[in-house]
Amino acid sequence: MLAGKAYVSAIETGDFDLAAKAVRVLQLRGKAEPEMPLVLYAVAFAQRDWNGADLATVELEALENFAFLQPYLGAWLETARGRDGTAILAQARSNATSRYYLEEHLILHSLVRRRENEALALLAALVERNEARMAPVRIIAARHFWARNETATAREILKFQSTAPEQNYIS
């Protein structure tokens, strides 16, 4: 019970190291919740503990509720290791929930790998749809192009300014 309370408190305060410790105790007691391996993944990833992050993805998949995230977490691990993680992203096509998030991850992976033309092709459709849920991806992409002194491209990505975050960013 104490570990459960420590977990909730740690998440509320942003103490992910304490949250990870609480998760490990809960796992030992067989009381792990389906989202808990995400905490272990985040902590391991931040510490560049790729094996720990791999283990967290296996645990996440075993608990099933958040298994749809596995292709994304695996792809980011490959990218962090200096490899191309996009092949792993193809696994996201086999699950409807995973497919919902695929477009933004393809864009972000293109930007990380410095494949700007590929990212721009993917961004074109995203910008025209002008969906509020994609505002963070649009802002990240715009910042990427601003950093490369491609101001016109960055402004085109944010041309509709449909959400408060985008309006604040461009102002």
C-alpha atoms as a PDB file:
ATOM      1  CA  MET A   1       0.000   0.000   0.000  1.00  0.00           C
ATOM      2  CA  LEU A   2       2.853   2.361   0.849  1.00  0.00           C
ATOM      3  CA  ALA A   3       4.517   1.716  -2.506  1.00  0.00           C
ATOM      4  CA  GLY A   4       1.246   2.525  -4.274  1.00  0.00           C
ATOM      5  CA  LYS A   5       0.921   5.799  -2.412  1.00  0.00           C
ATOM      6  CA  ALA A   6       4.586   6.622  -3.047  1.00  0.00           C
ATOM      7  CA  TYR A   7       4.036   5.948  -6.763  1.00  0.00           C
ATOM      8  CA  VAL A   8       1.050   8.290  -6.991  1.00  0.00           C
ATOM      9  CA  SER A   9       2.804  11.007  -4.999  1.00  0.00           C
ATOM     10  CA  ALA A  10       5.987  10.666  -7.066  1.00  0.00           C
ATOM     11  CA  ILE A  11       4.069  10.988 -10.330  1.00  0.00           C
ATOM     12  CA  GLU A  12       2.160  14.022  -9.047  1.00  0.00           C
ATOM     13  CA  THR A  13       5.393  15.767  -8.043  1.00  0.00           C
ATOM     14  CA  GLY A  14       7.429  14.659 -11.047  1.00  0.00           C
ATOM     15  CA  ASP A  15       9.898  12.570  -9.028  1.00  0.00           C
ATOM     16  CA  PHE A  16      10.383   9.832 -11.598  1.00  0.00           C
ATOM     17  CA  ASP A  17      13.270   8.170  -9.775  1.00  0.00           C
ATOM     18  CA  LEU A  18      11.013   7.603  -6.752  1.00  0.00           C
ATOM     19  CA  ALA A  19       8.188   6.527  -9.054  1.00  0.00           C
ATOM     20  CA  ALA A  20      10.491   3.945 -10.672  1.00  0.00           C
ATOM     21  CA  LYS A  21      11.487   2.570  -7.265  1.00  0.00           C
ATOM     22  CA  ALA A  22       7.827   2.303  -6.286  1.00  0.00           C
ATOM     23  CA  VAL A  23       7.032   0.537  -9.566  1.00  0.00           C
ATOM     24  CA  ARG A  24       9.761  -2.023  -8.932  1.00  0.00           C
ATOM     25  CA  VAL A  25       8.371  -2.728  -5.452  1.00  0.00           C
ATOM     26  CA  LEU A  26       4.862  -3.059  -6.873  1.00  0.00           C
ATOM     27  CA  GLN A  27       6.136  -5.410  -9.567  1.00  0.00           C
ATOM     28  CA  LEU A  28       7.739  -7.633  -6.932  1.00  0.00           C
ATOM     29  CA  ARG A  29       4.371  -7.787  -5.174  1.00  0.00           C
ATOM     30  CA  GLY A  30       2.534  -8.566  -8.423  1.00  0.00           C
ATOM     31  CA  LYS A  31       0.631  -5.282  -8.250  1.00  0.00           C
ATOM     32  CA  ALA A  32       1.996  -3.509 -11.331  1.00  0.00           C
ATOM     33  CA  GLU A  33      -0.492  -1.446 -13.299  1.00  0.00           C
ATOM     34  CA  PRO A  34      -0.352  -1.475 -17.129  1.00  0.00           C
ATOM     35  CA  GLU A  35       1.120   2.051 -17.392  1.00  0.00           C
ATOM     36  CA  MET A  36       3.928   1.513 -14.904  1.00  0.00           C
ATOM     37  CA  PRO A  37       6.538   0.209 -17.370  1.00  0.00           C
ATOM     38  CA  LEU A  38       6.270   3.603 -19.108  1.00  0.00           C
ATOM     39  CA  VAL A  39       7.815   5.166 -16.000  1.00  0.00           C
ATOM     40  CA  LEU A  40      10.614   2.604 -16.065  1.00  0.00           C
ATOM     41  CA  TYR A  41      11.163   3.284 -19.759  1.00  0.00           C
ATOM     42  CA  ALA A  42      11.315   7.057 -19.245  1.00  0.00           C
ATOM     43  CA  VAL A  43      13.772   6.790 -16.373  1.00  0.00           C
ATOM     44  CA  ALA A  44      15.978   4.267 -18.199  1.00  0.00           C
ATOM     45  CA  PHE A  45      15.902   6.320 -21.405  1.00  0.00           C
ATOM     46  CA  ALA A  46      16.864   9.508 -19.547  1.00  0.00           C
ATOM     47  CA  GLN A  47      19.771   7.628 -17.964  1.00  0.00           C
ATOM     48  CA  ARG A  48      20.785   6.205 -21.353  1.00  0.00           C
ATOM     49  CA  ASP A  49      20.199   2.717 -19.958  1.00  0.00           C
ATOM     50  CA  TRP A  50      19.140   1.152 -23.252  1.00  0.00           C
ATOM     51  CA  ASN A  51      18.871  -2.375 -21.808  1.00  0.00           C
ATOM     52  CA  GLY A  52      16.619  -1.115 -19.015  1.00  0.00           C
ATOM     53  CA  ALA A  53      14.466   0.708 -21.555  1.00  0.00           C
ATOM     54  CA  ASP A  54      14.286  -2.456 -23.693  1.00  0.00           C
ATOM     55  CA  LEU A  55      13.159  -4.433 -20.661  1.00  0.00           C
ATOM     56  CA  ALA A  56      10.482  -1.836 -19.917  1.00  0.00           C
ATOM     57  CA  THR A  57       9.075  -2.208 -23.443  1.00  0.00           C
ATOM     58  CA  VAL A  58       8.870  -5.986 -22.961  1.00  0.00           C
ATOM     59  CA  GLU A  59       7.046  -5.454 -19.650  1.00  0.00           C
ATOM     60  CA  LEU A  60       4.728  -2.930 -21.284  1.00  0.00           C
ATOM     61  CA  GLU A  61       3.854  -5.377 -24.039  1.00  0.00           C
ATOM     62  CA  ALA A  62       3.241  -8.164 -21.518  1.00  0.00           C
ATOM     63  CA  LEU A  63       0.752  -6.016 -19.594  1.00  0.00           C
ATOM     64  CA  GLU A  64      -1.019  -5.314 -22.923  1.00  0.00           C
ATOM     65  CA  ASN A  65      -3.010  -2.102 -22.315  1.00  0.00           C
ATOM     66  CA  PHE A  66      -0.237   0.143 -23.596  1.00  0.00           C
ATOM     67  CA  ALA A  67       1.425  -2.381 -25.907  1.00  0.00           C
ATOM     68  CA  PHE A  68       0.412  -0.210 -28.877  1.00  0.00           C
ATOM     69  CA  LEU A  69       3.259   2.134 -27.845  1.00  0.00           C
ATOM     70  CA  GLN A  70       5.917  -0.550 -28.278  1.00  0.00           C
ATOM     71  CA  PRO A  71       6.811   0.326 -31.905  1.00  0.00           C
ATOM     72  CA  TYR A  72       7.341   3.963 -30.954  1.00  0.00           C
ATOM     73  CA  LEU A  73       9.371   3.255 -27.855  1.00  0.00           C
ATOM     74  CA  GLY A  74      11.456   0.710 -29.743  1.00  0.00           C
ATOM     75  CA  ALA A  75      12.049   3.100 -32.632  1.00  0.00           C
ATOM     76  CA  TRP A  76      13.221   5.874 -30.301  1.00  0.00           C
ATOM     77  CA  LEU A  77      15.571   3.411 -28.610  1.00  0.00           C
ATOM     78  CA  GLU A  78      17.081   2.480 -31.959  1.00  0.00           C
ATOM     79  CA  THR A  79      17.467   6.158 -32.834  1.00  0.00           C
ATOM     80  CA  ALA A  80      19.111   6.873 -29.471  1.00  0.00           C
ATOM     81  CA  ARG A  81      21.536   4.029 -30.156  1.00  0.00           C
ATOM     82  CA  GLY A  82      22.489   5.730 -33.431  1.00  0.00           C
ATOM     83  CA  ARG A  83      20.540   3.365 -35.649  1.00  0.00           C
ATOM     84  CA  ASP A  84      17.589   3.944 -37.941  1.00  0.00           C
ATOM     85  CA  GLY A  85      14.422   3.210 -35.982  1.00  0.00           C
ATOM     86  CA  THR A  86      11.967   3.777 -38.818  1.00  0.00           C
ATOM     87  CA  ALA A  87      11.745   0.087 -39.742  1.00  0.00           C
ATOM     88  CA  ILE A  88      10.330  -0.615 -36.280  1.00  0.00           C
ATOM     89  CA  LEU A  89       7.690   2.051 -36.888  1.00  0.00           C
ATOM     90  CA  ALA A  90       6.199  -0.162 -39.604  1.00  0.00           C
ATOM     91  CA  GLN A  91       4.909  -2.414 -36.791  1.00  0.00           C
ATOM     92  CA  ALA A  92       2.542   0.421 -35.822  1.00  0.00           C
ATOM     93  CA  ARG A  93       0.499  -0.216 -38.957  1.00  0.00           C
ATOM     94  CA  SER A  94      -0.804  -3.499 -37.529  1.00  0.00           C
ATOM     95  CA  ASN A  95      -2.739  -1.877 -34.686  1.00  0.00           C
ATOM     96  CA  ALA A  96      -5.464   0.764 -35.096  1.00  0.00           C
ATOM     97  CA  THR A  97      -4.454   2.652 -31.971  1.00  0.00           C
ATOM     98  CA  SER A  98      -0.795   2.651 -33.003  1.00  0.00           C
ATOM     99  CA  ARG A  99      -1.673   3.860 -36.507  1.00  0.00           C
ATOM    100  CA  TYR A 100      -3.308   6.939 -34.969  1.00  0.00           C
ATOM    101  CA  TYR A 101       0.111   8.164 -33.792  1.00  0.00           C
ATOM    102  CA  LEU A 102       2.207   6.967 -36.730  1.00  0.00           C
ATOM    103  CA  GLU A 103       2.243  10.144 -38.819  1.00  0.00           C
ATOM    104  CA  GLU A 104       3.725  12.337 -36.114  1.00  0.00           C
ATOM    105  CA  HIS A 105       6.415   9.785 -35.286  1.00  0.00           C
ATOM    106  CA  LEU A 106       7.396   9.455 -38.938  1.00  0.00           C
ATOM    107  CA  ILE A 107       7.793  13.242 -39.096  1.00  0.00           C
ATOM    108  CA  LEU A 108       9.808  13.433 -35.882  1.00  0.00           C
ATOM    109  CA  HIS A 109      12.079  10.570 -36.943  1.00  0.00           C
ATOM    110  CA  SER A 110      12.662  12.269 -40.309  1.00  0.00           C
ATOM    111  CA  LEU A 111      13.675  15.466 -38.540  1.00  0.00           C
ATOM    112  CA  VAL A 112      15.992  13.666 -36.132  1.00  0.00           C
ATOM    113  CA  ARG A 113      17.726  11.899 -39.020  1.00  0.00           C
ATOM    114  CA  ARG A 114      18.056  15.255 -40.858  1.00  0.00           C
ATOM    115  CA  ARG A 115      15.885  14.081 -43.744  1.00  0.00           C
ATOM    116  CA  GLU A 116      14.207  17.429 -44.182  1.00  0.00           C
ATOM    117  CA  ASN A 117      12.687  16.719 -47.607  1.00  0.00           C
ATOM    118  CA  GLU A 118      11.046  13.577 -46.267  1.00  0.00           C
ATOM    119  CA  ALA A 119       9.743  15.503 -43.253  1.00  0.00           C
ATOM    120  CA  LEU A 120       8.421  18.315 -45.441  1.00  0.00           C
ATOM    121  CA  ALA A 121       6.527  15.850 -47.639  1.00  0.00           C
ATOM    122  CA  LEU A 122       4.871  14.392 -44.540  1.00  0.00           C
ATOM    123  CA  LEU A 123       4.270  17.846 -43.053  1.00  0.00           C
ATOM    124  CA  ALA A 124       2.509  19.152 -46.164  1.00  0.00           C
ATOM    125  CA  ALA A 125      -0.592  17.040 -45.585  1.00  0.00           C
ATOM    126  CA  LEU A 126      -0.481  17.639 -41.849  1.00  0.00           C
ATOM    127  CA  VAL A 127      -0.365  21.424 -42.247  1.00  0.00           C
ATOM    128  CA  GLU A 128      -3.278  21.455 -44.689  1.00  0.00           C
ATOM    129  CA  ARG A 129      -5.445  19.389 -42.330  1.00  0.00           C
ATOM    130  CA  ASN A 130      -4.728  21.961 -39.604  1.00  0.00           C
ATOM    131  CA  GLU A 131      -5.575  19.604 -36.728  1.00  0.00           C
ATOM    132  CA  ALA A 132      -5.180  20.990 -33.232  1.00  0.00           C
ATOM    133  CA  ARG A 133      -3.759  17.694 -31.944  1.00  0.00           C
ATOM    134  CA  MET A 134      -0.792  18.087 -34.277  1.00  0.00           C
ATOM    135  CA  ALA A 135       0.176  21.544 -32.983  1.00  0.00           C
ATOM    136  CA  PRO A 136       3.142  20.204 -30.973  1.00  0.00           C
ATOM    137  CA  VAL A 137       4.541  18.409 -34.031  1.00  0.00           C
ATOM    138  CA  ARG A 138       4.114  21.531 -36.139  1.00  0.00           C
ATOM    139  CA  ILE A 139       5.893  23.633 -33.512  1.00  0.00           C
ATOM    140  CA  ILE A 140       8.758  21.135 -33.228  1.00  0.00           C
ATOM    141  CA  ALA A 141       9.119  21.039 -37.005  1.00  0.00           C
ATOM    142  CA  ALA A 142       8.996  24.837 -37.281  1.00  0.00           C
ATOM    143  CA  ARG A 143      11.671  25.186 -34.601  1.00  0.00           C
ATOM    144  CA  HIS A 144      13.819  22.685 -36.489  1.00  0.00           C
ATOM    145  CA  PHE A 145      13.639  24.753 -39.673  1.00  0.00           C
ATOM    146  CA  TRP A 146      14.099  28.049 -37.825  1.00  0.00           C
ATOM    147  CA  ALA A 147      17.301  26.646 -36.328  1.00  0.00           C
ATOM    148  CA  ARG A 148      18.452  25.921 -39.885  1.00  0.00           C
ATOM    149  CA  ASN A 149      17.657  29.544 -40.875  1.00  0.00           C
ATOM    150  CA  GLU A 150      14.813  28.361 -43.103  1.00  0.00           C
ATOM    151  CA  THR A 151      12.347  30.941 -41.835  1.00  0.00           C
ATOM    152  CA  ALA A 152       9.974  30.725 -44.795  1.00  0.00           C
ATOM    153  CA  THR A 153       9.626  26.971 -44.341  1.00  0.00           C
ATOM    154  CA  ALA A 154       9.021  27.391 -40.603  1.00  0.00           C
ATOM    155  CA  ARG A 155       6.343  30.008 -41.224  1.00  0.00           C
ATOM    156  CA  GLU A 156       4.652  27.805 -43.821  1.00  0.00           C
ATOM    157  CA  ILE A 157       4.437  24.977 -41.276  1.00  0.00           C
ATOM    158  CA  LEU A 158       2.667  27.342 -38.861  1.00  0.00           C
ATOM    159  CA  LYS A 159       0.687  29.269 -41.465  1.00  0.00           C
ATOM    160  CA  PHE A 160      -2.742  28.504 -40.050  1.00  0.00           C
ATOM    161  CA  GLN A 161      -1.901  29.239 -36.394  1.00  0.00           C
ATOM    162  CA  SER A 162      -4.982  27.331 -35.388  1.00  0.00           C
ATOM    163  CA  THR A 163      -4.117  26.683 -31.774  1.00  0.00           C
ATOM    164  CA  ALA A 164      -3.055  28.834 -28.859  1.00  0.00           C
ATOM    165  CA  PRO A 165       0.416  27.226 -28.671  1.00  0.00           C
ATOM    166  CA  GLU A 166       1.048  27.995 -32.310  1.00  0.00           C
ATOM    167  CA  GLN A 167      -0.264  31.542 -32.015  1.00  0.00           C
ATOM    168  CA  ASN A 168       1.987  32.183 -29.027  1.00  0.00           C
ATOM    169  CA  TYR A 169       4.967  30.687 -30.792  1.00  0.00           C
ATOM    170  CA  ILE A 170       4.744  32.742 -33.954  1.00  0.00           C
ATOM    171  CA  SER A 171       3.852  36.047 -32.271  1.00  0.00           C
END
